N, C-alpha and C. Protein backbone atom coordinates (compact mmCIF):
# COMPACT_ATOMS: atom_id res chain seq x y z
N MET A 1 17.04 -1.13 -5.84
CA MET A 1 16.49 -0.27 -6.88
C MET A 1 17.31 0.98 -7.00
N PRO A 2 18.37 0.94 -7.76
CA PRO A 2 19.22 2.13 -7.89
C PRO A 2 18.39 3.35 -8.31
N GLY A 3 18.57 4.48 -7.65
CA GLY A 3 17.95 5.72 -8.08
C GLY A 3 16.42 5.83 -7.74
N LEU A 4 15.90 4.86 -7.03
CA LEU A 4 14.48 4.89 -6.70
C LEU A 4 14.23 4.20 -5.37
N ASN A 5 13.54 4.84 -4.44
CA ASN A 5 13.30 4.17 -3.20
C ASN A 5 11.84 3.59 -3.26
N GLY A 6 11.43 2.84 -2.25
CA GLY A 6 10.15 2.16 -2.28
C GLY A 6 8.94 3.05 -2.40
N MET A 7 8.99 4.18 -1.73
CA MET A 7 7.84 5.12 -1.79
C MET A 7 7.72 5.69 -3.18
N GLU A 8 8.88 5.99 -3.78
CA GLU A 8 8.85 6.53 -5.16
C GLU A 8 8.32 5.49 -6.14
N LEU A 9 8.72 4.22 -5.92
CA LEU A 9 8.16 3.17 -6.78
C LEU A 9 6.63 3.10 -6.64
N LEU A 10 6.13 3.09 -5.42
CA LEU A 10 4.68 3.08 -5.17
C LEU A 10 3.99 4.21 -5.86
N LYS A 11 4.52 5.38 -5.77
CA LYS A 11 3.91 6.56 -6.40
C LYS A 11 3.89 6.39 -7.89
N LYS A 12 4.98 5.94 -8.49
CA LYS A 12 5.02 5.70 -9.94
C LYS A 12 3.96 4.66 -10.36
N MET A 13 3.81 3.63 -9.56
CA MET A 13 2.79 2.65 -9.87
C MET A 13 1.39 3.24 -9.80
N LYS A 14 1.11 4.05 -8.79
CA LYS A 14 -0.15 4.74 -8.67
C LYS A 14 -0.40 5.67 -9.85
N ASP A 15 0.65 6.37 -10.29
CA ASP A 15 0.52 7.27 -11.43
C ASP A 15 0.15 6.51 -12.68
N LEU A 16 0.65 5.31 -12.84
CA LEU A 16 0.32 4.51 -14.05
C LEU A 16 -1.04 3.93 -13.99
N ASN A 17 -1.49 3.52 -12.83
CA ASN A 17 -2.81 2.91 -12.62
C ASN A 17 -3.43 3.29 -11.27
N GLN A 18 -4.41 4.14 -11.29
CA GLN A 18 -5.00 4.65 -10.06
C GLN A 18 -5.64 3.57 -9.19
N PHE A 19 -5.95 2.45 -9.81
CA PHE A 19 -6.62 1.35 -9.04
C PHE A 19 -5.67 0.40 -8.37
N VAL A 20 -4.36 0.49 -8.62
CA VAL A 20 -3.39 -0.39 -8.04
C VAL A 20 -3.49 -0.28 -6.51
N ARG A 21 -3.51 -1.37 -5.87
CA ARG A 21 -3.50 -1.39 -4.36
C ARG A 21 -2.12 -1.75 -3.87
N THR A 22 -1.68 -1.09 -2.82
CA THR A 22 -0.34 -1.29 -2.32
C THR A 22 -0.30 -1.64 -0.85
N ILE A 23 0.54 -2.54 -0.45
CA ILE A 23 0.72 -2.87 0.95
C ILE A 23 2.17 -2.72 1.28
N LEU A 24 2.44 -1.82 2.20
CA LEU A 24 3.81 -1.60 2.68
C LEU A 24 4.14 -2.63 3.71
N ILE A 25 5.24 -3.37 3.53
CA ILE A 25 5.72 -4.41 4.43
C ILE A 25 7.13 -4.01 4.84
N THR A 26 7.36 -3.87 6.09
CA THR A 26 8.66 -3.42 6.53
C THR A 26 9.02 -4.02 7.91
N ALA A 27 10.28 -4.21 8.08
CA ALA A 27 10.80 -4.60 9.44
C ALA A 27 11.23 -3.42 10.30
N TYR A 28 11.25 -2.26 9.60
CA TYR A 28 11.76 -1.04 10.28
C TYR A 28 10.66 -0.27 10.89
N ALA A 29 10.99 0.52 11.88
CA ALA A 29 10.01 1.40 12.52
C ALA A 29 9.54 2.39 11.41
N LEU A 30 8.27 2.71 11.38
CA LEU A 30 7.71 3.55 10.36
C LEU A 30 7.46 4.95 10.96
N ASP A 31 7.91 5.93 10.24
CA ASP A 31 7.63 7.32 10.63
C ASP A 31 6.13 7.59 10.47
N GLN A 32 5.48 7.79 11.58
CA GLN A 32 4.05 7.92 11.59
C GLN A 32 3.51 9.05 10.71
N ASP A 33 4.27 10.16 10.71
CA ASP A 33 3.86 11.31 9.89
C ASP A 33 3.97 10.94 8.36
N LEU A 34 5.03 10.33 8.03
CA LEU A 34 5.25 9.87 6.63
C LEU A 34 4.15 8.92 6.20
N PHE A 35 3.85 7.98 7.11
CA PHE A 35 2.82 6.99 6.80
C PHE A 35 1.49 7.66 6.58
N MET A 36 1.13 8.57 7.47
CA MET A 36 -0.17 9.24 7.35
C MET A 36 -0.23 10.11 6.09
N GLN A 37 0.85 10.73 5.75
CA GLN A 37 0.92 11.56 4.52
C GLN A 37 0.72 10.64 3.29
N CYS A 38 1.37 9.50 3.27
CA CYS A 38 1.26 8.56 2.14
C CYS A 38 -0.10 7.91 2.10
N ALA A 39 -0.67 7.61 3.23
CA ALA A 39 -2.03 7.01 3.26
C ALA A 39 -3.04 8.04 2.82
N LYS A 40 -2.88 9.28 3.24
CA LYS A 40 -3.82 10.35 2.84
C LYS A 40 -3.78 10.55 1.35
N LYS A 41 -2.61 10.42 0.70
CA LYS A 41 -2.45 10.62 -0.74
C LYS A 41 -2.81 9.26 -1.44
N ARG A 42 -3.17 8.24 -0.72
CA ARG A 42 -3.57 6.96 -1.22
C ARG A 42 -2.41 6.28 -1.98
N ILE A 43 -1.18 6.56 -1.53
CA ILE A 43 -0.02 5.88 -2.09
C ILE A 43 0.14 4.49 -1.39
N ILE A 44 -0.12 4.45 -0.10
CA ILE A 44 -0.09 3.19 0.69
C ILE A 44 -1.58 2.87 1.06
N ASN A 45 -1.97 1.72 0.74
CA ASN A 45 -3.32 1.21 1.09
C ASN A 45 -3.37 0.33 2.28
N GLY A 46 -2.25 -0.37 2.52
CA GLY A 46 -2.25 -1.27 3.72
C GLY A 46 -0.82 -1.34 4.23
N PHE A 47 -0.68 -1.90 5.44
CA PHE A 47 0.62 -1.87 6.10
C PHE A 47 0.68 -3.17 6.90
N LEU A 48 1.87 -3.85 6.84
CA LEU A 48 2.14 -4.98 7.67
C LEU A 48 3.57 -4.82 8.26
N GLN A 49 3.74 -5.15 9.49
CA GLN A 49 5.04 -5.12 10.17
C GLN A 49 5.65 -6.46 10.24
N LYS A 50 6.88 -6.58 9.79
CA LYS A 50 7.54 -7.94 9.91
C LYS A 50 7.88 -8.19 11.39
N PRO A 51 7.93 -9.44 11.80
CA PRO A 51 7.62 -10.64 11.05
C PRO A 51 6.12 -10.75 10.78
N ILE A 52 5.81 -11.26 9.62
CA ILE A 52 4.41 -11.30 9.16
C ILE A 52 3.86 -12.69 9.42
N ARG A 53 2.70 -12.75 9.95
CA ARG A 53 1.99 -14.05 10.08
C ARG A 53 1.19 -14.24 8.80
N LEU A 54 1.21 -15.43 8.33
CA LEU A 54 0.53 -15.74 7.08
C LEU A 54 -0.94 -15.41 7.05
N ASP A 55 -1.62 -15.59 8.18
CA ASP A 55 -3.03 -15.23 8.21
C ASP A 55 -3.23 -13.76 8.11
N HIS A 56 -2.36 -12.96 8.68
CA HIS A 56 -2.46 -11.49 8.56
C HIS A 56 -2.25 -11.03 7.12
N LEU A 57 -1.25 -11.64 6.48
CA LEU A 57 -1.03 -11.34 5.03
C LEU A 57 -2.24 -11.71 4.21
N ARG A 58 -2.74 -12.90 4.41
CA ARG A 58 -3.92 -13.29 3.67
C ARG A 58 -5.11 -12.35 3.92
N ASP A 59 -5.33 -11.92 5.13
CA ASP A 59 -6.43 -11.02 5.42
C ASP A 59 -6.20 -9.66 4.74
N GLU A 60 -5.02 -9.15 4.78
CA GLU A 60 -4.67 -7.87 4.17
C GLU A 60 -4.86 -7.95 2.68
N VAL A 61 -4.38 -8.99 2.05
CA VAL A 61 -4.55 -9.12 0.61
C VAL A 61 -6.01 -9.23 0.27
N ASN A 62 -6.78 -9.98 1.00
CA ASN A 62 -8.25 -10.09 0.78
C ASN A 62 -8.93 -8.72 0.92
N ASN A 63 -8.48 -7.92 1.96
CA ASN A 63 -9.04 -6.59 2.11
C ASN A 63 -8.72 -5.71 0.95
N GLN A 64 -7.52 -5.79 0.43
CA GLN A 64 -7.10 -4.97 -0.73
C GLN A 64 -7.79 -5.37 -2.01
N LEU A 65 -8.00 -6.66 -2.16
CA LEU A 65 -8.79 -7.14 -3.34
C LEU A 65 -10.22 -6.65 -3.28
N LEU A 66 -10.86 -6.64 -2.12
CA LEU A 66 -12.19 -6.15 -2.00
C LEU A 66 -12.21 -4.63 -2.26
N ALA A 67 -11.28 -3.90 -1.71
CA ALA A 67 -11.22 -2.44 -1.94
C ALA A 67 -10.96 -2.15 -3.45
N TYR A 68 -10.19 -2.96 -4.12
CA TYR A 68 -9.95 -2.76 -5.54
C TYR A 68 -11.25 -2.94 -6.33
N GLU A 69 -11.98 -3.94 -6.02
CA GLU A 69 -13.22 -4.14 -6.72
C GLU A 69 -14.20 -3.01 -6.45
N LEU A 70 -14.28 -2.50 -5.21
CA LEU A 70 -15.16 -1.38 -4.89
C LEU A 70 -14.71 -0.12 -5.63
N ASP A 71 -13.36 0.14 -5.68
CA ASP A 71 -12.86 1.29 -6.39
C ASP A 71 -13.13 1.29 -7.86
N LYS A 72 -13.04 0.09 -8.46
CA LYS A 72 -13.39 -0.02 -9.87
C LYS A 72 -14.77 0.26 -10.15
N LYS A 73 -15.70 -0.11 -9.23
CA LYS A 73 -17.10 0.12 -9.44
C LYS A 73 -17.54 1.57 -9.15
N HIS A 74 -16.83 2.16 -8.15
CA HIS A 74 -17.19 3.52 -7.69
C HIS A 74 -15.90 4.32 -7.51
N PRO A 75 -15.23 4.74 -8.63
CA PRO A 75 -13.98 5.51 -8.47
C PRO A 75 -14.30 6.87 -7.76
N SER A 76 -13.28 7.25 -6.97
CA SER A 76 -13.47 8.55 -6.26
C SER A 76 -12.91 9.74 -7.02
């Protein structure tokens, strides 16, 4: 993504639609402060560390779908 990193992309997505749910998936070590900052701003809703087990991905997607439905019914 020339000129745009992953966090910037997620923020732009959230700016376009506040109900979009995001899952950060990375193989790299995650800066805990950066993660907490993004989670607090609701830029990142979920996180998975590679290698990913299929059941963990399924569970996280299900969690985010449920959260999406709740947010649509009761926006904050």
